[in-house]
Amino acid sequence: MTAEERARDIALLVLDVDGVLTDGGLYYDDRGRISKRFHVQDGLGIKMAQSAGLECAVVTGLNSPAVAARVGELGIVEYHPGHTHKSPIIREICLRKNLELTQVAYLGDDWVDAAAMRLVGLPMAVVNAQPEIKALATWVSTVPGGHGAARETIAFILQAQGKYAALWEKWLHAD
């Protein structure tokens, strides 16, 4: 089955953070506090997904106030920080939402994402992912993590579901 065929059934997109929603860099200030850079196009992509009925979840190995703030700003309810073993979280979300694993896509970049990618119906990777992760992916973005890869991923899924054009028309005539 092609990535486009698999994307038609996706109801939940699970996103990693570091290297996917961010560029993977850890920016330390002079007090040792970490900040992260997010791309606004990814944020709009998540809002597009939500308005089209595609739920987004964030499962990440780290626990960061910056990520919590961004996730809250985007209205992502399924936020699960501090989980390097992501498959149990994905299974639990599916159980609560009565979803099959074939209805789940996962966007990752590094080895910590491997088990989750093997679990879901549509494993996806950012173009700058580790080679082993790209090998597990059914679809790979053309832009790197933290630079609009989540937006590109969401656009791909919504196009496969036939929802993208209607969203564009809505934005085109928003005034």
N, C-alpha and C. Protein backbone atom coordinates (compact mmCIF):
# COMPACT_ATOMS: atom_id res chain seq x y z
N MET A 1 0.85 -1.18 0.00
CA MET A 1 0.00 0.00 0.00
C MET A 1 0.90 1.25 0.00
N THR A 2 0.56 2.23 -0.81
CA THR A 2 1.36 3.45 -0.90
C THR A 2 1.09 4.36 0.30
N ALA A 3 1.96 5.33 0.47
CA ALA A 3 1.79 6.30 1.56
C ALA A 3 0.48 7.06 1.38
N GLU A 4 0.15 7.42 0.16
CA GLU A 4 -1.09 8.15 -0.09
C GLU A 4 -2.31 7.30 0.27
N GLU A 5 -2.28 6.04 -0.07
CA GLU A 5 -3.40 5.15 0.28
C GLU A 5 -3.53 5.01 1.80
N ARG A 6 -2.41 4.87 2.48
CA ARG A 6 -2.44 4.77 3.94
C ARG A 6 -2.94 6.06 4.57
N ALA A 7 -2.57 7.20 4.00
CA ALA A 7 -2.93 8.51 4.55
C ALA A 7 -4.44 8.75 4.54
N ARG A 8 -5.14 8.10 3.65
CA ARG A 8 -6.60 8.32 3.54
C ARG A 8 -7.33 7.93 4.82
N ASP A 9 -6.78 6.99 5.58
CA ASP A 9 -7.45 6.49 6.79
C ASP A 9 -6.93 7.12 8.08
N ILE A 10 -6.02 8.07 7.98
CA ILE A 10 -5.39 8.62 9.19
C ILE A 10 -6.35 9.55 9.93
N ALA A 11 -6.50 9.30 11.23
CA ALA A 11 -7.32 10.15 12.10
C ALA A 11 -6.47 10.85 13.16
N LEU A 12 -5.25 10.35 13.37
CA LEU A 12 -4.37 10.89 14.41
C LEU A 12 -2.95 10.95 13.88
N LEU A 13 -2.35 12.13 13.98
CA LEU A 13 -0.94 12.33 13.64
C LEU A 13 -0.17 12.56 14.94
N VAL A 14 0.77 11.68 15.23
CA VAL A 14 1.60 11.81 16.42
C VAL A 14 2.94 12.42 15.99
N LEU A 15 3.32 13.47 16.70
CA LEU A 15 4.54 14.21 16.37
C LEU A 15 5.57 14.10 17.49
N ASP A 16 6.81 13.87 17.11
CA ASP A 16 7.93 14.02 18.02
C ASP A 16 8.22 15.52 18.09
N VAL A 17 9.04 15.95 19.01
CA VAL A 17 9.36 17.38 19.12
C VAL A 17 10.75 17.68 18.59
N ASP A 18 11.78 17.26 19.32
CA ASP A 18 13.15 17.63 18.97
C ASP A 18 13.58 16.96 17.67
N GLY A 19 13.84 17.77 16.66
CA GLY A 19 14.21 17.27 15.35
C GLY A 19 13.03 17.16 14.40
N VAL A 20 11.81 17.35 14.90
CA VAL A 20 10.60 17.31 14.08
C VAL A 20 9.89 18.66 14.14
N LEU A 21 9.38 19.03 15.31
CA LEU A 21 8.76 20.35 15.47
C LEU A 21 9.81 21.44 15.71
N THR A 22 11.00 21.03 16.14
CA THR A 22 12.12 21.96 16.27
C THR A 22 13.25 21.46 15.38
N ASP A 23 14.27 22.28 15.22
CA ASP A 23 15.42 21.87 14.41
C ASP A 23 16.36 20.93 15.16
N GLY A 24 16.01 20.60 16.37
CA GLY A 24 16.83 19.69 17.17
C GLY A 24 17.89 20.38 17.99
N GLY A 25 18.07 21.68 17.77
CA GLY A 25 19.07 22.42 18.54
C GLY A 25 18.58 22.70 19.94
N LEU A 26 19.50 22.70 20.88
CA LEU A 26 19.20 23.09 22.25
C LEU A 26 19.94 24.40 22.49
N TYR A 27 19.19 25.47 22.70
CA TYR A 27 19.77 26.79 22.86
C TYR A 27 19.83 27.12 24.35
N TYR A 28 21.04 27.26 24.89
CA TYR A 28 21.23 27.55 26.30
C TYR A 28 21.51 29.03 26.49
N ASP A 29 20.83 29.65 27.46
CA ASP A 29 21.17 31.03 27.80
C ASP A 29 22.26 31.02 28.87
N ASP A 30 22.67 32.20 29.32
CA ASP A 30 23.78 32.29 30.27
C ASP A 30 23.44 31.75 31.65
N ARG A 31 22.19 31.43 31.88
CA ARG A 31 21.78 30.82 33.16
C ARG A 31 21.55 29.32 33.03
N GLY A 32 21.83 28.78 31.86
CA GLY A 32 21.67 27.35 31.64
C GLY A 32 20.27 26.91 31.26
N ARG A 33 19.39 27.88 30.99
CA ARG A 33 18.03 27.54 30.59
C ARG A 33 18.00 27.24 29.09
N ILE A 34 17.17 26.28 28.74
CA ILE A 34 17.07 25.85 27.34
C ILE A 34 15.86 26.52 26.69
N SER A 35 16.06 26.99 25.47
CA SER A 35 14.94 27.46 24.66
C SER A 35 14.95 26.68 23.34
N LYS A 36 13.83 26.70 22.67
CA LYS A 36 13.69 25.95 21.42
C LYS A 36 13.04 26.84 20.38
N ARG A 37 13.32 26.54 19.12
CA ARG A 37 12.80 27.29 17.99
C ARG A 37 11.73 26.46 17.28
N PHE A 38 10.56 27.03 17.11
CA PHE A 38 9.47 26.38 16.39
C PHE A 38 9.18 27.17 15.12
N HIS A 39 8.70 26.51 14.10
CA HIS A 39 8.37 27.17 12.84
C HIS A 39 6.87 27.49 12.81
N VAL A 40 6.54 28.73 12.46
CA VAL A 40 5.14 29.14 12.46
C VAL A 40 4.31 28.36 11.43
N GLN A 41 4.94 27.92 10.35
CA GLN A 41 4.18 27.14 9.36
C GLN A 41 3.71 25.81 9.94
N ASP A 42 4.51 25.22 10.80
CA ASP A 42 4.07 24.00 11.47
C ASP A 42 2.85 24.28 12.35
N GLY A 43 2.87 25.41 13.03
CA GLY A 43 1.74 25.79 13.88
C GLY A 43 0.46 25.95 13.08
N LEU A 44 0.55 26.63 11.94
CA LEU A 44 -0.63 26.79 11.10
C LEU A 44 -1.07 25.44 10.54
N GLY A 45 -0.11 24.60 10.20
CA GLY A 45 -0.44 23.26 9.73
C GLY A 45 -1.23 22.47 10.76
N ILE A 46 -0.83 22.58 12.02
CA ILE A 46 -1.55 21.89 13.09
C ILE A 46 -2.96 22.45 13.22
N LYS A 47 -3.11 23.75 13.12
CA LYS A 47 -4.44 24.36 13.16
C LYS A 47 -5.29 23.89 11.97
N MET A 48 -4.67 23.77 10.80
CA MET A 48 -5.37 23.25 9.62
C MET A 48 -5.85 21.83 9.88
N ALA A 49 -4.97 21.01 10.42
CA ALA A 49 -5.33 19.62 10.72
C ALA A 49 -6.52 19.57 11.66
N GLN A 50 -6.45 20.35 12.72
CA GLN A 50 -7.53 20.36 13.71
C GLN A 50 -8.85 20.78 13.06
N SER A 51 -8.82 21.78 12.21
CA SER A 51 -10.06 22.24 11.59
C SER A 51 -10.61 21.24 10.59
N ALA A 52 -9.75 20.35 10.08
CA ALA A 52 -10.19 19.32 9.13
C ALA A 52 -10.52 18.00 9.82
N GLY A 53 -10.44 17.96 11.15
CA GLY A 53 -10.78 16.74 11.87
C GLY A 53 -9.64 15.76 12.05
N LEU A 54 -8.43 16.19 11.73
CA LEU A 54 -7.24 15.36 11.94
C LEU A 54 -6.62 15.77 13.26
N GLU A 55 -6.67 14.90 14.25
CA GLU A 55 -6.12 15.23 15.56
C GLU A 55 -4.61 15.08 15.55
N CYS A 56 -3.94 15.97 16.26
CA CYS A 56 -2.49 15.91 16.42
C CYS A 56 -2.16 15.65 17.89
N ALA A 57 -1.19 14.79 18.10
CA ALA A 57 -0.68 14.50 19.44
C ALA A 57 0.82 14.73 19.44
N VAL A 58 1.35 15.07 20.60
CA VAL A 58 2.79 15.26 20.76
C VAL A 58 3.27 14.32 21.85
N VAL A 59 4.23 13.47 21.50
CA VAL A 59 4.85 12.56 22.45
C VAL A 59 6.36 12.78 22.34
N THR A 60 6.97 13.18 23.44
CA THR A 60 8.38 13.55 23.42
C THR A 60 9.13 13.00 24.62
N GLY A 61 10.40 12.74 24.42
CA GLY A 61 11.22 12.20 25.48
C GLY A 61 11.59 13.21 26.55
N LEU A 62 11.61 14.48 26.19
CA LEU A 62 12.01 15.52 27.13
C LEU A 62 10.80 16.23 27.71
N ASN A 63 11.02 16.91 28.81
CA ASN A 63 9.98 17.71 29.44
C ASN A 63 10.47 19.15 29.46
N SER A 64 9.87 19.99 28.62
CA SER A 64 10.36 21.35 28.44
C SER A 64 9.24 22.36 28.59
N PRO A 65 9.45 23.41 29.39
CA PRO A 65 8.44 24.47 29.50
C PRO A 65 8.15 25.14 28.16
N ALA A 66 9.17 25.26 27.31
CA ALA A 66 8.97 25.88 26.00
C ALA A 66 8.02 25.04 25.14
N VAL A 67 8.20 23.73 25.17
CA VAL A 67 7.32 22.84 24.41
C VAL A 67 5.91 22.87 24.98
N ALA A 68 5.79 22.83 26.29
CA ALA A 68 4.47 22.89 26.92
C ALA A 68 3.74 24.16 26.53
N ALA A 69 4.45 25.27 26.47
CA ALA A 69 3.84 26.54 26.09
C ALA A 69 3.36 26.51 24.64
N ARG A 70 4.20 25.99 23.74
CA ARG A 70 3.83 25.94 22.32
C ARG A 70 2.66 24.99 22.09
N VAL A 71 2.70 23.84 22.70
CA VAL A 71 1.62 22.86 22.56
C VAL A 71 0.31 23.44 23.09
N GLY A 72 0.38 24.12 24.22
CA GLY A 72 -0.82 24.76 24.77
C GLY A 72 -1.36 25.84 23.86
N GLU A 73 -0.46 26.63 23.30
CA GLU A 73 -0.86 27.69 22.38
C GLU A 73 -1.58 27.13 21.15
N LEU A 74 -1.16 25.95 20.72
CA LEU A 74 -1.76 25.32 19.54
C LEU A 74 -3.02 24.52 19.87
N GLY A 75 -3.34 24.38 21.13
CA GLY A 75 -4.55 23.66 21.51
C GLY A 75 -4.43 22.15 21.36
N ILE A 76 -3.23 21.63 21.45
CA ILE A 76 -3.02 20.18 21.37
C ILE A 76 -3.32 19.58 22.74
N VAL A 77 -4.33 18.75 22.79
CA VAL A 77 -4.77 18.15 24.05
C VAL A 77 -3.89 16.96 24.42
N GLU A 78 -3.55 16.17 23.44
CA GLU A 78 -2.75 14.96 23.67
C GLU A 78 -1.26 15.31 23.68
N TYR A 79 -0.80 15.82 24.81
CA TYR A 79 0.61 16.18 24.99
C TYR A 79 1.18 15.27 26.06
N HIS A 80 2.22 14.52 25.71
CA HIS A 80 2.80 13.52 26.60
C HIS A 80 4.32 13.70 26.65
N PRO A 81 4.80 14.56 27.56
CA PRO A 81 6.24 14.76 27.69
C PRO A 81 6.89 13.70 28.58
N GLY A 82 8.20 13.56 28.42
CA GLY A 82 8.96 12.66 29.28
C GLY A 82 8.80 11.19 28.97
N HIS A 83 8.50 10.86 27.71
CA HIS A 83 8.30 9.46 27.33
C HIS A 83 9.25 9.09 26.19
N THR A 84 10.33 8.41 26.53
CA THR A 84 11.22 7.92 25.48
C THR A 84 10.68 6.64 24.85
N HIS A 85 9.85 5.91 25.58
CA HIS A 85 9.16 4.74 25.03
C HIS A 85 7.76 5.20 24.64
N LYS A 86 7.57 5.44 23.36
CA LYS A 86 6.37 6.14 22.89
C LYS A 86 5.23 5.20 22.51
N SER A 87 5.53 3.97 22.17
CA SER A 87 4.49 3.04 21.74
C SER A 87 3.38 2.84 22.77
N PRO A 88 3.69 2.66 24.06
CA PRO A 88 2.60 2.50 25.03
C PRO A 88 1.67 3.71 25.09
N ILE A 89 2.21 4.90 24.92
CA ILE A 89 1.38 6.12 24.92
C ILE A 89 0.46 6.12 23.71
N ILE A 90 1.00 5.75 22.56
CA ILE A 90 0.18 5.71 21.33
C ILE A 90 -0.93 4.68 21.48
N ARG A 91 -0.60 3.52 22.01
CA ARG A 91 -1.63 2.49 22.22
C ARG A 91 -2.73 2.99 23.17
N GLU A 92 -2.32 3.69 24.22
CA GLU A 92 -3.29 4.20 25.20
C GLU A 92 -4.19 5.26 24.57
N ILE A 93 -3.64 6.14 23.76
CA ILE A 93 -4.45 7.14 23.06
C ILE A 93 -5.46 6.45 22.15
N CYS A 94 -4.99 5.46 21.40
CA CYS A 94 -5.88 4.73 20.49
C CYS A 94 -7.01 4.04 21.24
N LEU A 95 -6.69 3.46 22.37
CA LEU A 95 -7.70 2.79 23.18
C LEU A 95 -8.77 3.77 23.64
N ARG A 96 -8.33 4.93 24.15
CA ARG A 96 -9.27 5.94 24.64
C ARG A 96 -10.13 6.51 23.52
N LYS A 97 -9.56 6.64 22.33
CA LYS A 97 -10.26 7.28 21.22
C LYS A 97 -10.89 6.28 20.26
N ASN A 98 -10.79 5.00 20.62
CA ASN A 98 -11.35 3.94 19.79
C ASN A 98 -10.80 3.98 18.36
N LEU A 99 -9.49 4.13 18.25
CA LEU A 99 -8.82 4.16 16.96
C LEU A 99 -8.01 2.88 16.75
N GLU A 100 -7.93 2.46 15.51
CA GLU A 100 -7.03 1.36 15.14
C GLU A 100 -5.65 1.96 14.88
N LEU A 101 -4.61 1.18 15.07
CA LEU A 101 -3.26 1.67 14.81
C LEU A 101 -3.06 2.04 13.35
N THR A 102 -3.84 1.44 12.46
CA THR A 102 -3.77 1.79 11.04
C THR A 102 -4.27 3.20 10.77
N GLN A 103 -4.96 3.80 11.73
CA GLN A 103 -5.47 5.16 11.60
C GLN A 103 -4.50 6.20 12.17
N VAL A 104 -3.30 5.75 12.53
CA VAL A 104 -2.32 6.63 13.16
C VAL A 104 -1.11 6.81 12.25
N ALA A 105 -0.68 8.06 12.12
CA ALA A 105 0.59 8.40 11.46
C ALA A 105 1.55 8.90 12.53
N TYR A 106 2.83 8.68 12.31
CA TYR A 106 3.84 9.14 13.26
C TYR A 106 4.97 9.79 12.47
N LEU A 107 5.37 11.00 12.88
CA LEU A 107 6.47 11.71 12.23
C LEU A 107 7.65 11.76 13.19
N GLY A 108 8.76 11.13 12.79
CA GLY A 108 9.93 11.06 13.66
C GLY A 108 11.22 11.36 12.93
N ASP A 109 12.31 11.34 13.71
CA ASP A 109 13.62 11.67 13.14
C ASP A 109 14.78 10.84 13.67
N ASP A 110 14.62 10.17 14.81
CA ASP A 110 15.78 9.51 15.41
C ASP A 110 15.39 8.17 16.01
N TRP A 111 16.37 7.45 16.49
CA TRP A 111 16.17 6.08 16.97
C TRP A 111 15.09 5.97 18.02
N VAL A 112 14.90 6.97 18.84
CA VAL A 112 13.88 6.94 19.88
C VAL A 112 12.47 6.81 19.28
N ASP A 113 12.34 7.09 17.99
CA ASP A 113 11.06 7.02 17.30
C ASP A 113 10.82 5.68 16.60
N ALA A 114 11.81 4.83 16.54
CA ALA A 114 11.73 3.60 15.73
C ALA A 114 10.57 2.69 16.12
N ALA A 115 10.43 2.38 17.38
CA ALA A 115 9.36 1.46 17.80
C ALA A 115 7.98 2.03 17.49
N ALA A 116 7.80 3.32 17.71
CA ALA A 116 6.51 3.95 17.41
C ALA A 116 6.23 3.90 15.91
N MET A 117 7.25 4.11 15.11
CA MET A 117 7.06 4.08 13.66
C MET A 117 6.69 2.68 13.18
N ARG A 118 7.25 1.66 13.81
CA ARG A 118 6.91 0.29 13.43
C ARG A 118 5.50 -0.09 13.86
N LEU A 119 4.94 0.65 14.82
CA LEU A 119 3.63 0.35 15.39
C LEU A 119 2.48 0.86 14.53
N VAL A 120 2.65 2.03 13.95
CA VAL A 120 1.53 2.75 13.34
C VAL A 120 1.30 2.38 11.87
N GLY A 121 0.15 2.83 11.36
CA GLY A 121 -0.21 2.55 9.98
C GLY A 121 0.56 3.35 8.95
N LEU A 122 0.99 4.56 9.33
CA LEU A 122 1.72 5.41 8.38
C LEU A 122 2.95 6.00 9.08
N PRO A 123 4.09 5.29 9.00
CA PRO A 123 5.33 5.83 9.56
C PRO A 123 5.93 6.86 8.61
N MET A 124 6.28 8.03 9.16
CA MET A 124 6.78 9.14 8.35
C MET A 124 8.05 9.68 9.00
N ALA A 125 8.93 10.25 8.18
CA ALA A 125 10.19 10.79 8.70
C ALA A 125 10.48 12.14 8.06
N VAL A 126 11.20 12.97 8.81
CA VAL A 126 11.70 14.23 8.23
C VAL A 126 12.92 13.90 7.39
N VAL A 127 13.19 14.74 6.40
CA VAL A 127 14.26 14.47 5.45
C VAL A 127 15.63 14.36 6.11
N ASN A 128 15.83 15.05 7.22
CA ASN A 128 17.12 15.00 7.92
C ASN A 128 17.14 13.96 9.04
N ALA A 129 16.21 13.02 8.99
CA ALA A 129 16.18 11.93 9.98
C ALA A 129 17.39 11.02 9.80
N GLN A 130 17.68 10.26 10.83
CA GLN A 130 18.74 9.27 10.75
C GLN A 130 18.38 8.24 9.67
N PRO A 131 19.39 7.70 8.97
CA PRO A 131 19.12 6.78 7.85
C PRO A 131 18.23 5.59 8.24
N GLU A 132 18.42 5.06 9.42
CA GLU A 132 17.61 3.91 9.85
C GLU A 132 16.14 4.29 10.00
N ILE A 133 15.89 5.53 10.40
CA ILE A 133 14.51 6.01 10.57
C ILE A 133 13.87 6.24 9.20
N LYS A 134 14.63 6.81 8.29
CA LYS A 134 14.09 7.00 6.93
C LYS A 134 13.78 5.65 6.28
N ALA A 135 14.57 4.64 6.59
CA ALA A 135 14.32 3.31 6.04
C ALA A 135 13.02 2.71 6.56
N LEU A 136 12.61 3.08 7.77
CA LEU A 136 11.34 2.60 8.33
C LEU A 136 10.13 3.36 7.78
N ALA A 137 10.37 4.53 7.22
CA ALA A 137 9.28 5.43 6.82
C ALA A 137 8.66 5.03 5.49
N THR A 138 7.35 5.18 5.41
CA THR A 138 6.63 5.02 4.16
C THR A 138 6.67 6.32 3.35
N TRP A 139 6.85 7.43 4.06
CA TRP A 139 6.89 8.77 3.44
C TRP A 139 7.94 9.60 4.15
N VAL A 140 8.70 10.41 3.37
CA VAL A 140 9.73 11.28 3.92
C VAL A 140 9.49 12.70 3.42
N SER A 141 9.57 13.66 4.34
CA SER A 141 9.36 15.07 3.97
C SER A 141 10.48 15.55 3.05
N THR A 142 10.26 16.68 2.41
CA THR A 142 11.31 17.29 1.58
C THR A 142 12.01 18.42 2.31
N VAL A 143 11.45 18.85 3.44
CA VAL A 143 12.08 19.90 4.25
C VAL A 143 12.48 19.31 5.60
N PRO A 144 13.52 19.86 6.22
CA PRO A 144 13.99 19.31 7.50
C PRO A 144 13.07 19.63 8.67
N GLY A 145 13.25 18.86 9.72
CA GLY A 145 12.52 19.11 10.96
C GLY A 145 12.78 20.51 11.47
N GLY A 146 11.73 21.13 12.01
CA GLY A 146 11.86 22.49 12.53
C GLY A 146 11.80 23.57 11.47
N HIS A 147 11.59 23.16 10.22
CA HIS A 147 11.55 24.11 9.11
C HIS A 147 10.31 23.91 8.24
N GLY A 148 9.22 23.45 8.85
CA GLY A 148 7.98 23.26 8.12
C GLY A 148 7.67 21.82 7.76
N ALA A 149 8.41 20.87 8.29
CA ALA A 149 8.17 19.45 7.97
C ALA A 149 6.81 18.96 8.46
N ALA A 150 6.38 19.42 9.63
CA ALA A 150 5.05 19.02 10.13
C ALA A 150 3.96 19.57 9.22
N ARG A 151 4.12 20.80 8.77
CA ARG A 151 3.14 21.40 7.85
C ARG A 151 3.07 20.60 6.55
N GLU A 152 4.23 20.23 6.01
CA GLU A 152 4.27 19.44 4.78
C GLU A 152 3.60 18.08 4.99
N THR A 153 3.84 17.48 6.13
CA THR A 153 3.25 16.19 6.48
C THR A 153 1.73 16.29 6.55
N ILE A 154 1.26 17.31 7.22
CA ILE A 154 -0.19 17.53 7.36
C ILE A 154 -0.82 17.79 6.00
N ALA A 155 -0.17 18.60 5.18
CA ALA A 155 -0.68 18.86 3.83
C ALA A 155 -0.78 17.56 3.03
N PHE A 156 0.22 16.71 3.14
CA PHE A 156 0.20 15.42 2.44
C PHE A 156 -1.00 14.59 2.87
N ILE A 157 -1.23 14.48 4.17
CA ILE A 157 -2.35 13.68 4.67
C ILE A 157 -3.68 14.28 4.23
N LEU A 158 -3.83 15.59 4.39
CA LEU A 158 -5.10 16.23 4.03
C LEU A 158 -5.35 16.17 2.52
N GLN A 159 -4.31 16.25 1.71
CA GLN A 159 -4.48 16.09 0.26
C GLN A 159 -4.95 14.68 -0.07
N ALA A 160 -4.35 13.69 0.56
CA ALA A 160 -4.75 12.29 0.33
C ALA A 160 -6.19 12.05 0.75
N GLN A 161 -6.66 12.79 1.75
CA GLN A 161 -8.03 12.64 2.24
C GLN A 161 -9.02 13.52 1.48
N GLY A 162 -8.53 14.30 0.53
CA GLY A 162 -9.40 15.17 -0.25
C GLY A 162 -9.91 16.38 0.51
N LYS A 163 -9.21 16.79 1.56
CA LYS A 163 -9.66 17.91 2.40
C LYS A 163 -8.86 19.19 2.19
N TYR A 164 -7.74 19.10 1.53
CA TYR A 164 -6.81 20.23 1.44
C TYR A 164 -7.38 21.38 0.60
N ALA A 165 -7.96 21.07 -0.54
CA ALA A 165 -8.47 22.12 -1.44
C ALA A 165 -9.55 22.95 -0.76
N ALA A 166 -10.43 22.31 -0.02
CA ALA A 166 -11.50 23.04 0.68
C ALA A 166 -10.92 23.96 1.75
N LEU A 167 -9.88 23.50 2.43
CA LEU A 167 -9.22 24.36 3.42
C LEU A 167 -8.60 25.58 2.76
N TRP A 168 -7.95 25.37 1.61
CA TRP A 168 -7.35 26.48 0.88
C TRP A 168 -8.42 27.48 0.47
N GLU A 169 -9.52 27.00 -0.05
CA GLU A 169 -10.62 27.89 -0.45
C GLU A 169 -11.14 28.69 0.73
N LYS A 170 -11.25 28.06 1.87
CA LYS A 170 -11.70 28.75 3.08
C LYS A 170 -10.75 29.89 3.43
N TRP A 171 -9.44 29.63 3.38
CA TRP A 171 -8.45 30.66 3.70
C TRP A 171 -8.41 31.74 2.62
N LEU A 172 -8.58 31.32 1.38
CA LEU A 172 -8.52 32.26 0.25
C LEU A 172 -9.63 33.30 0.34
N HIS A 173 -10.77 32.89 0.87
CA HIS A 173 -11.94 33.77 0.95
C HIS A 173 -12.30 34.11 2.39
N ALA A 174 -11.29 34.21 3.25
CA ALA A 174 -11.52 34.43 4.68
C ALA A 174 -12.05 35.82 5.01
N ASP A 175 -11.82 36.78 4.17
CA ASP A 175 -12.26 38.16 4.48
C ASP A 175 -13.70 38.41 4.15
